Amino acid sequence: MTREPGGTPLGETLRGLLLNHAMHLETEALLMFASRREHLAQVILPALEAGKWVISDRFTDASFAYQGGGRGIDEARLRILEEWVQQGLQPDLTLLFDVPLEVARQRLSASATLDRFEQEQQDFFQRVRQAYLARAAQFPARIRVVDSTRTVPQIRTQLETLISGL
């Protein structure tokens, strides 16, 4: 199990910068992909080569949602970075835990400190959510939407079904 940004010592340093320091939107995108490249080289690819499963909290679809949908970076630029960094590698399954923005905000309000992404306005999150859902519609065989307004046991049952298919 790992996460993005982060997952490596360098990735965690970049995570701290990304979550806590204001920066140009293109710098943000480049740092996300720099963290991802390191993550792939140091964690993901070695694990896959060893025959292990990798579960990552976020991957490239998050860049298309946050930097593309949320920040407005042209998708063509993100696709170039995706190809350069991943060289065709894609997850077998991406789980998109979807809730209405009001539910997400209520859940975030329980958090003690909010990072700079979590402090964004509602229109940013609406664009992010729409970008995620558009990616799910574009790649329905890989990205599965999980209705996360349901109960934990209902969600667990859906996840067990989705994962058992792998």
N, C-alpha and C. Protein backbone atom coordinates (compact mmCIF):
# COMPACT_ATOMS: atom_id res chain seq x y z
N MET A 1 0.85 -1.17 0.00
CA MET A 1 0.00 0.00 0.00
C MET A 1 0.90 1.23 0.00
N THR A 2 0.48 2.21 -0.78
CA THR A 2 1.27 3.42 -0.92
C THR A 2 0.34 4.59 -1.24
N ARG A 3 0.91 5.77 -1.45
CA ARG A 3 0.07 6.94 -1.74
C ARG A 3 0.79 7.92 -2.64
N GLU A 4 -0.02 8.78 -3.25
CA GLU A 4 0.51 9.87 -4.06
C GLU A 4 -0.19 11.17 -3.67
N PRO A 5 0.51 12.29 -3.74
CA PRO A 5 1.95 12.30 -3.89
C PRO A 5 2.59 11.71 -2.65
N GLY A 6 3.75 11.16 -2.83
CA GLY A 6 4.47 10.53 -1.72
C GLY A 6 4.94 9.15 -2.09
N GLY A 7 4.98 8.28 -1.10
CA GLY A 7 5.34 6.89 -1.34
C GLY A 7 6.83 6.59 -1.29
N THR A 8 7.66 7.61 -1.37
CA THR A 8 9.11 7.48 -1.28
C THR A 8 9.61 8.65 -0.43
N PRO A 9 10.85 8.60 0.06
CA PRO A 9 11.34 9.76 0.81
C PRO A 9 11.26 11.07 0.00
N LEU A 10 11.71 11.04 -1.24
CA LEU A 10 11.62 12.24 -2.07
C LEU A 10 10.16 12.61 -2.31
N GLY A 11 9.32 11.61 -2.59
CA GLY A 11 7.90 11.87 -2.82
C GLY A 11 7.23 12.51 -1.62
N GLU A 12 7.61 12.10 -0.42
CA GLU A 12 7.03 12.69 0.79
C GLU A 12 7.47 14.14 0.96
N THR A 13 8.71 14.45 0.58
CA THR A 13 9.18 15.84 0.61
C THR A 13 8.37 16.67 -0.39
N LEU A 14 8.18 16.13 -1.59
CA LEU A 14 7.38 16.83 -2.60
C LEU A 14 5.93 16.97 -2.13
N ARG A 15 5.40 15.95 -1.46
CA ARG A 15 4.04 16.01 -0.92
C ARG A 15 3.91 17.21 0.02
N GLY A 16 4.89 17.37 0.91
CA GLY A 16 4.85 18.50 1.84
C GLY A 16 4.81 19.84 1.11
N LEU A 17 5.60 19.96 0.06
CA LEU A 17 5.58 21.19 -0.74
C LEU A 17 4.23 21.37 -1.43
N LEU A 18 3.74 20.31 -2.06
CA LEU A 18 2.49 20.39 -2.82
C LEU A 18 1.28 20.72 -1.94
N LEU A 19 1.23 20.15 -0.76
CA LEU A 19 0.06 20.33 0.10
C LEU A 19 0.10 21.62 0.91
N ASN A 20 1.29 22.19 1.07
CA ASN A 20 1.40 23.30 2.02
C ASN A 20 1.96 24.60 1.47
N HIS A 21 2.40 24.63 0.21
CA HIS A 21 3.00 25.84 -0.34
C HIS A 21 2.30 26.24 -1.63
N ALA A 22 1.93 27.51 -1.70
CA ALA A 22 1.33 28.02 -2.93
C ALA A 22 2.38 27.99 -4.04
N MET A 23 1.92 27.67 -5.26
CA MET A 23 2.84 27.61 -6.40
C MET A 23 2.04 27.77 -7.69
N HIS A 24 2.76 28.04 -8.76
CA HIS A 24 2.14 28.15 -10.07
C HIS A 24 1.48 26.81 -10.41
N LEU A 25 0.36 26.84 -11.08
CA LEU A 25 -0.38 25.61 -11.37
C LEU A 25 0.43 24.63 -12.22
N GLU A 26 1.29 25.12 -13.11
CA GLU A 26 2.12 24.22 -13.91
C GLU A 26 3.23 23.60 -13.06
N THR A 27 3.76 24.36 -12.11
CA THR A 27 4.75 23.81 -11.19
C THR A 27 4.11 22.68 -10.39
N GLU A 28 2.89 22.89 -9.95
CA GLU A 28 2.15 21.87 -9.21
C GLU A 28 2.04 20.59 -10.03
N ALA A 29 1.63 20.71 -11.27
CA ALA A 29 1.49 19.53 -12.14
C ALA A 29 2.82 18.83 -12.34
N LEU A 30 3.87 19.60 -12.60
CA LEU A 30 5.18 19.00 -12.82
C LEU A 30 5.69 18.28 -11.57
N LEU A 31 5.47 18.87 -10.41
CA LEU A 31 5.90 18.21 -9.17
C LEU A 31 5.09 16.93 -8.91
N MET A 32 3.81 16.95 -9.24
CA MET A 32 3.00 15.73 -9.09
C MET A 32 3.59 14.60 -9.94
N PHE A 33 3.92 14.92 -11.18
CA PHE A 33 4.47 13.89 -12.06
C PHE A 33 5.90 13.52 -11.69
N ALA A 34 6.66 14.46 -11.13
CA ALA A 34 8.01 14.12 -10.64
C ALA A 34 7.90 13.14 -9.48
N SER A 35 6.99 13.40 -8.58
CA SER A 35 6.77 12.48 -7.46
C SER A 35 6.33 11.11 -7.98
N ARG A 36 5.45 11.12 -8.98
CA ARG A 36 4.96 9.85 -9.56
C ARG A 36 6.09 9.06 -10.22
N ARG A 37 6.97 9.74 -10.93
CA ARG A 37 8.09 9.04 -11.60
C ARG A 37 8.96 8.34 -10.56
N GLU A 38 9.27 9.04 -9.48
CA GLU A 38 10.07 8.45 -8.40
C GLU A 38 9.32 7.29 -7.76
N HIS A 39 8.04 7.46 -7.56
CA HIS A 39 7.17 6.44 -6.98
C HIS A 39 7.17 5.18 -7.84
N LEU A 40 7.05 5.37 -9.13
CA LEU A 40 7.08 4.23 -10.04
C LEU A 40 8.42 3.51 -9.98
N ALA A 41 9.51 4.28 -10.05
CA ALA A 41 10.85 3.69 -10.10
C ALA A 41 11.22 2.98 -8.80
N GLN A 42 10.85 3.57 -7.67
CA GLN A 42 11.30 3.05 -6.38
C GLN A 42 10.34 2.07 -5.72
N VAL A 43 9.05 2.18 -6.00
CA VAL A 43 8.06 1.38 -5.27
C VAL A 43 7.21 0.51 -6.18
N ILE A 44 6.50 1.13 -7.11
CA ILE A 44 5.48 0.43 -7.88
C ILE A 44 6.07 -0.61 -8.83
N LEU A 45 6.99 -0.20 -9.69
CA LEU A 45 7.55 -1.15 -10.66
C LEU A 45 8.29 -2.31 -9.99
N PRO A 46 9.13 -2.06 -8.97
CA PRO A 46 9.76 -3.21 -8.30
C PRO A 46 8.74 -4.17 -7.67
N ALA A 47 7.68 -3.64 -7.11
CA ALA A 47 6.65 -4.51 -6.52
C ALA A 47 5.95 -5.33 -7.59
N LEU A 48 5.60 -4.70 -8.71
CA LEU A 48 4.94 -5.43 -9.80
C LEU A 48 5.86 -6.50 -10.37
N GLU A 49 7.14 -6.15 -10.53
CA GLU A 49 8.10 -7.12 -11.05
C GLU A 49 8.28 -8.31 -10.11
N ALA A 50 8.03 -8.10 -8.81
CA ALA A 50 8.12 -9.18 -7.83
C ALA A 50 6.81 -9.95 -7.72
N GLY A 51 5.83 -9.59 -8.55
CA GLY A 51 4.55 -10.30 -8.56
C GLY A 51 3.59 -9.85 -7.47
N LYS A 52 3.83 -8.70 -6.87
CA LYS A 52 2.97 -8.20 -5.79
C LYS A 52 1.87 -7.30 -6.35
N TRP A 53 0.80 -7.21 -5.59
CA TRP A 53 -0.26 -6.24 -5.88
C TRP A 53 0.16 -4.90 -5.31
N VAL A 54 -0.22 -3.82 -5.96
CA VAL A 54 0.04 -2.48 -5.46
C VAL A 54 -1.28 -1.76 -5.34
N ILE A 55 -1.54 -1.25 -4.15
CA ILE A 55 -2.72 -0.43 -3.90
C ILE A 55 -2.21 0.97 -3.57
N SER A 56 -2.60 1.93 -4.39
CA SER A 56 -2.13 3.30 -4.20
C SER A 56 -3.31 4.23 -3.98
N ASP A 57 -3.18 5.05 -2.96
CA ASP A 57 -4.16 6.11 -2.72
C ASP A 57 -3.80 7.23 -3.68
N ARG A 58 -4.47 7.24 -4.81
CA ARG A 58 -4.33 8.17 -5.93
C ARG A 58 -3.24 7.72 -6.90
N PHE A 59 -3.46 8.14 -8.16
CA PHE A 59 -2.49 7.94 -9.23
C PHE A 59 -2.82 8.98 -10.29
N THR A 60 -2.57 8.72 -11.53
CA THR A 60 -2.66 9.74 -12.57
C THR A 60 -4.06 10.30 -12.80
N ASP A 61 -5.09 9.51 -12.57
CA ASP A 61 -6.44 10.06 -12.74
C ASP A 61 -6.64 11.27 -11.83
N ALA A 62 -5.98 11.26 -10.67
CA ALA A 62 -6.06 12.41 -9.76
C ALA A 62 -5.44 13.66 -10.40
N SER A 63 -4.38 13.50 -11.17
CA SER A 63 -3.79 14.66 -11.85
C SER A 63 -4.74 15.21 -12.91
N PHE A 64 -5.40 14.32 -13.63
CA PHE A 64 -6.38 14.79 -14.61
C PHE A 64 -7.55 15.49 -13.93
N ALA A 65 -7.91 15.03 -12.73
CA ALA A 65 -9.02 15.65 -12.00
C ALA A 65 -8.60 16.97 -11.35
N TYR A 66 -7.52 16.93 -10.56
CA TYR A 66 -7.12 18.12 -9.80
C TYR A 66 -6.40 19.16 -10.65
N GLN A 67 -5.35 18.76 -11.34
CA GLN A 67 -4.61 19.73 -12.12
C GLN A 67 -5.34 20.06 -13.43
N GLY A 68 -6.01 19.07 -14.02
CA GLY A 68 -6.77 19.31 -15.24
C GLY A 68 -8.10 19.97 -14.95
N GLY A 69 -9.01 19.23 -14.32
CA GLY A 69 -10.34 19.76 -14.04
C GLY A 69 -10.32 20.92 -13.07
N GLY A 70 -9.66 20.73 -11.93
CA GLY A 70 -9.65 21.76 -10.90
C GLY A 70 -8.87 23.00 -11.27
N ARG A 71 -7.65 22.81 -11.77
CA ARG A 71 -6.78 23.95 -12.06
C ARG A 71 -6.88 24.44 -13.51
N GLY A 72 -7.42 23.61 -14.39
CA GLY A 72 -7.61 24.04 -15.77
C GLY A 72 -6.43 23.82 -16.70
N ILE A 73 -5.48 22.96 -16.29
CA ILE A 73 -4.37 22.66 -17.19
C ILE A 73 -4.89 21.82 -18.35
N ASP A 74 -4.45 22.15 -19.54
CA ASP A 74 -4.87 21.46 -20.76
C ASP A 74 -4.58 19.96 -20.65
N GLU A 75 -5.59 19.16 -20.93
CA GLU A 75 -5.44 17.69 -20.87
C GLU A 75 -4.32 17.18 -21.76
N ALA A 76 -4.09 17.83 -22.89
CA ALA A 76 -3.03 17.39 -23.80
C ALA A 76 -1.67 17.46 -23.10
N ARG A 77 -1.44 18.48 -22.30
CA ARG A 77 -0.18 18.59 -21.56
C ARG A 77 -0.07 17.46 -20.53
N LEU A 78 -1.17 17.18 -19.85
CA LEU A 78 -1.15 16.10 -18.85
C LEU A 78 -0.92 14.74 -19.52
N ARG A 79 -1.50 14.54 -20.70
CA ARG A 79 -1.27 13.27 -21.43
C ARG A 79 0.19 13.11 -21.81
N ILE A 80 0.85 14.21 -22.20
CA ILE A 80 2.28 14.15 -22.52
C ILE A 80 3.07 13.72 -21.29
N LEU A 81 2.79 14.33 -20.15
CA LEU A 81 3.48 13.96 -18.92
C LEU A 81 3.17 12.52 -18.52
N GLU A 82 1.92 12.13 -18.68
CA GLU A 82 1.51 10.75 -18.36
C GLU A 82 2.30 9.74 -19.19
N GLU A 83 2.41 9.98 -20.47
CA GLU A 83 3.13 9.05 -21.34
C GLU A 83 4.63 9.04 -21.00
N TRP A 84 5.19 10.20 -20.78
CA TRP A 84 6.61 10.30 -20.47
C TRP A 84 6.93 9.57 -19.16
N VAL A 85 6.14 9.81 -18.13
CA VAL A 85 6.40 9.26 -16.80
C VAL A 85 6.02 7.78 -16.70
N GLN A 86 4.89 7.40 -17.28
CA GLN A 86 4.37 6.03 -17.09
C GLN A 86 4.70 5.08 -18.22
N GLN A 87 5.05 5.60 -19.36
CA GLN A 87 5.41 4.77 -20.50
C GLN A 87 4.38 3.67 -20.76
N GLY A 88 3.10 4.07 -20.73
CA GLY A 88 2.02 3.15 -21.03
C GLY A 88 1.45 2.38 -19.85
N LEU A 89 2.09 2.43 -18.71
CA LEU A 89 1.60 1.70 -17.54
C LEU A 89 0.33 2.34 -17.00
N GLN A 90 -0.69 1.53 -16.80
CA GLN A 90 -1.95 1.98 -16.22
C GLN A 90 -2.38 0.97 -15.15
N PRO A 91 -3.14 1.44 -14.17
CA PRO A 91 -3.67 0.50 -13.18
C PRO A 91 -4.63 -0.49 -13.84
N ASP A 92 -4.73 -1.68 -13.25
CA ASP A 92 -5.73 -2.65 -13.72
C ASP A 92 -7.12 -2.21 -13.30
N LEU A 93 -7.21 -1.57 -12.15
CA LEU A 93 -8.49 -1.13 -11.60
C LEU A 93 -8.29 0.16 -10.83
N THR A 94 -9.16 1.13 -11.07
CA THR A 94 -9.17 2.36 -10.31
C THR A 94 -10.55 2.50 -9.67
N LEU A 95 -10.55 2.68 -8.36
CA LEU A 95 -11.80 2.84 -7.63
C LEU A 95 -12.01 4.32 -7.34
N LEU A 96 -13.10 4.85 -7.83
CA LEU A 96 -13.44 6.25 -7.63
C LEU A 96 -14.54 6.31 -6.57
N PHE A 97 -14.18 6.68 -5.36
CA PHE A 97 -15.13 6.80 -4.26
C PHE A 97 -15.83 8.14 -4.40
N ASP A 98 -17.07 8.12 -4.83
CA ASP A 98 -17.80 9.34 -5.18
C ASP A 98 -18.87 9.67 -4.15
N VAL A 99 -18.88 10.93 -3.74
CA VAL A 99 -19.93 11.46 -2.88
C VAL A 99 -20.27 12.87 -3.36
N PRO A 100 -21.50 13.33 -3.11
CA PRO A 100 -21.82 14.72 -3.41
C PRO A 100 -20.90 15.66 -2.63
N LEU A 101 -20.69 16.86 -3.16
CA LEU A 101 -19.77 17.80 -2.53
C LEU A 101 -20.16 18.13 -1.08
N GLU A 102 -21.45 18.19 -0.81
CA GLU A 102 -21.89 18.53 0.55
C GLU A 102 -21.44 17.46 1.54
N VAL A 103 -21.51 16.21 1.15
CA VAL A 103 -21.08 15.11 2.01
C VAL A 103 -19.57 15.17 2.21
N ALA A 104 -18.84 15.42 1.14
CA ALA A 104 -17.37 15.52 1.24
C ALA A 104 -16.98 16.65 2.19
N ARG A 105 -17.65 17.80 2.08
CA ARG A 105 -17.34 18.94 2.95
C ARG A 105 -17.61 18.59 4.42
N GLN A 106 -18.71 17.91 4.69
CA GLN A 106 -19.02 17.51 6.07
C GLN A 106 -17.94 16.59 6.62
N ARG A 107 -17.48 15.68 5.81
CA ARG A 107 -16.45 14.75 6.26
C ARG A 107 -15.12 15.46 6.47
N LEU A 108 -14.82 16.44 5.61
CA LEU A 108 -13.58 17.20 5.76
C LEU A 108 -13.60 18.08 7.00
N SER A 109 -14.77 18.58 7.38
CA SER A 109 -14.84 19.48 8.53
C SER A 109 -14.39 18.80 9.81
N ALA A 110 -14.40 17.47 9.84
CA ALA A 110 -13.93 16.74 11.01
C ALA A 110 -12.41 16.71 11.08
N SER A 111 -11.74 17.06 9.99
CA SER A 111 -10.28 17.05 9.95
C SER A 111 -9.73 18.26 10.72
N ALA A 112 -8.68 18.02 11.49
CA ALA A 112 -8.11 19.09 12.32
C ALA A 112 -7.49 20.20 11.48
N THR A 113 -6.64 19.86 10.53
CA THR A 113 -6.00 20.87 9.68
C THR A 113 -6.22 20.49 8.22
N LEU A 114 -6.57 21.48 7.44
CA LEU A 114 -6.82 21.27 6.02
C LEU A 114 -5.62 21.72 5.21
N ASP A 115 -5.20 20.89 4.22
CA ASP A 115 -4.11 21.30 3.34
C ASP A 115 -4.64 22.30 2.31
N ARG A 116 -3.77 22.81 1.45
CA ARG A 116 -4.19 23.86 0.52
C ARG A 116 -5.21 23.38 -0.50
N PHE A 117 -5.21 22.08 -0.82
CA PHE A 117 -6.24 21.56 -1.72
C PHE A 117 -7.58 21.52 -1.01
N GLU A 118 -7.58 21.02 0.22
CA GLU A 118 -8.82 20.89 0.99
C GLU A 118 -9.43 22.25 1.31
N GLN A 119 -8.65 23.32 1.24
CA GLN A 119 -9.14 24.67 1.52
C GLN A 119 -9.75 25.34 0.29
N GLU A 120 -9.70 24.68 -0.85
CA GLU A 120 -10.25 25.26 -2.08
C GLU A 120 -11.77 25.47 -1.95
N GLN A 121 -12.27 26.33 -2.84
CA GLN A 121 -13.70 26.65 -2.85
C GLN A 121 -14.51 25.54 -3.51
N GLN A 122 -15.81 25.57 -3.32
CA GLN A 122 -16.70 24.53 -3.81
C GLN A 122 -16.64 24.38 -5.33
N ASP A 123 -16.48 25.48 -6.08
CA ASP A 123 -16.43 25.36 -7.54
C ASP A 123 -15.22 24.56 -8.00
N PHE A 124 -14.10 24.66 -7.28
CA PHE A 124 -12.92 23.85 -7.58
C PHE A 124 -13.26 22.37 -7.45
N PHE A 125 -13.89 22.00 -6.34
CA PHE A 125 -14.22 20.60 -6.11
C PHE A 125 -15.29 20.09 -7.07
N GLN A 126 -16.17 20.98 -7.50
CA GLN A 126 -17.16 20.58 -8.50
C GLN A 126 -16.46 20.23 -9.82
N ARG A 127 -15.47 21.04 -10.21
CA ARG A 127 -14.71 20.77 -11.43
C ARG A 127 -13.90 19.48 -11.28
N VAL A 128 -13.31 19.26 -10.10
CA VAL A 128 -12.54 18.04 -9.85
C VAL A 128 -13.46 16.82 -9.97
N ARG A 129 -14.61 16.88 -9.32
CA ARG A 129 -15.55 15.75 -9.35
C ARG A 129 -16.00 15.47 -10.78
N GLN A 130 -16.33 16.51 -11.52
CA GLN A 130 -16.77 16.33 -12.90
C GLN A 130 -15.65 15.72 -13.76
N ALA A 131 -14.41 16.14 -13.52
CA ALA A 131 -13.28 15.58 -14.27
C ALA A 131 -13.10 14.11 -13.93
N TYR A 132 -13.23 13.76 -12.66
CA TYR A 132 -13.14 12.34 -12.27
C TYR A 132 -14.25 11.53 -12.95
N LEU A 133 -15.46 12.03 -12.91
CA LEU A 133 -16.58 11.29 -13.52
C LEU A 133 -16.42 11.20 -15.03
N ALA A 134 -15.86 12.24 -15.66
CA ALA A 134 -15.60 12.19 -17.10
C ALA A 134 -14.55 11.12 -17.41
N ARG A 135 -13.51 11.02 -16.57
CA ARG A 135 -12.49 9.97 -16.76
C ARG A 135 -13.13 8.59 -16.60
N ALA A 136 -14.01 8.45 -15.63
CA ALA A 136 -14.68 7.17 -15.42
C ALA A 136 -15.52 6.80 -16.64
N ALA A 137 -16.18 7.78 -17.24
CA ALA A 137 -16.97 7.52 -18.44
C ALA A 137 -16.06 7.19 -19.63
N GLN A 138 -14.89 7.80 -19.67
CA GLN A 138 -13.93 7.57 -20.76
C GLN A 138 -13.27 6.19 -20.65
N PHE A 139 -13.06 5.72 -19.43
CA PHE A 139 -12.36 4.45 -19.19
C PHE A 139 -13.19 3.54 -18.28
N PRO A 140 -14.40 3.16 -18.71
CA PRO A 140 -15.29 2.41 -17.82
C PRO A 140 -14.80 1.01 -17.45
N ALA A 141 -13.94 0.41 -18.25
CA ALA A 141 -13.44 -0.92 -17.92
C ALA A 141 -12.42 -0.86 -16.79
N ARG A 142 -11.75 0.28 -16.64
CA ARG A 142 -10.71 0.42 -15.61
C ARG A 142 -11.19 1.20 -14.39
N ILE A 143 -11.95 2.26 -14.60
CA ILE A 143 -12.37 3.12 -13.49
C ILE A 143 -13.80 2.76 -13.10
N ARG A 144 -13.95 2.33 -11.87
CA ARG A 144 -15.26 1.95 -11.36
C ARG A 144 -15.68 2.94 -10.28
N VAL A 145 -16.88 3.49 -10.44
CA VAL A 145 -17.39 4.47 -9.49
C VAL A 145 -18.08 3.74 -8.34
N VAL A 146 -17.67 4.09 -7.12
CA VAL A 146 -18.24 3.50 -5.92
C VAL A 146 -19.06 4.58 -5.22
N ASP A 147 -20.37 4.34 -5.09
CA ASP A 147 -21.26 5.28 -4.42
C ASP A 147 -20.93 5.24 -2.93
N SER A 148 -20.20 6.23 -2.47
CA SER A 148 -19.72 6.23 -1.10
C SER A 148 -20.67 6.91 -0.12
N THR A 149 -21.91 7.15 -0.57
CA THR A 149 -22.93 7.60 0.37
C THR A 149 -23.60 6.41 1.04
N ARG A 150 -23.33 5.23 0.52
CA ARG A 150 -23.93 4.02 1.08
C ARG A 150 -23.22 3.63 2.38
N THR A 151 -23.74 2.61 3.04
CA THR A 151 -23.15 2.17 4.30
C THR A 151 -21.82 1.48 4.04
N VAL A 152 -21.00 1.41 5.08
CA VAL A 152 -19.71 0.75 4.95
C VAL A 152 -19.88 -0.71 4.54
N PRO A 153 -20.80 -1.48 5.12
CA PRO A 153 -20.97 -2.86 4.66
C PRO A 153 -21.38 -2.96 3.18
N GLN A 154 -22.21 -2.05 2.70
CA GLN A 154 -22.60 -2.06 1.28
C GLN A 154 -21.40 -1.75 0.39
N ILE A 155 -20.61 -0.79 0.80
CA ILE A 155 -19.41 -0.44 0.03
C ILE A 155 -18.44 -1.61 0.04
N ARG A 156 -18.24 -2.23 1.19
CA ARG A 156 -17.33 -3.38 1.31
C ARG A 156 -17.76 -4.50 0.35
N THR A 157 -19.05 -4.76 0.28
CA THR A 157 -19.55 -5.81 -0.63
C THR A 157 -19.23 -5.47 -2.08
N GLN A 158 -19.45 -4.21 -2.46
CA GLN A 158 -19.14 -3.81 -3.83
C GLN A 158 -17.64 -3.94 -4.10
N LEU A 159 -16.81 -3.53 -3.15
CA LEU A 159 -15.36 -3.62 -3.33
C LEU A 159 -14.91 -5.07 -3.45
N GLU A 160 -15.47 -5.95 -2.64
CA GLU A 160 -15.12 -7.37 -2.72
C GLU A 160 -15.45 -7.93 -4.10
N THR A 161 -16.59 -7.53 -4.64
CA THR A 161 -16.97 -7.99 -5.98
C THR A 161 -16.01 -7.46 -7.03
N LEU A 162 -15.69 -6.18 -6.96
CA LEU A 162 -14.80 -5.57 -7.96
C LEU A 162 -13.40 -6.18 -7.89
N ILE A 163 -12.90 -6.35 -6.69
CA ILE A 163 -11.53 -6.84 -6.53
C ILE A 163 -11.44 -8.32 -6.86
N SER A 164 -12.47 -9.09 -6.54
CA SER A 164 -12.43 -10.52 -6.86
C SER A 164 -12.36 -10.76 -8.36
N GLY A 165 -12.79 -9.79 -9.15
CA GLY A 165 -12.72 -9.90 -10.60
C GLY A 165 -11.31 -9.79 -11.14
N LEU A 166 -10.38 -9.35 -10.31
CA LEU A 166 -8.99 -9.24 -10.76
C LEU A 166 -8.31 -10.60 -10.70
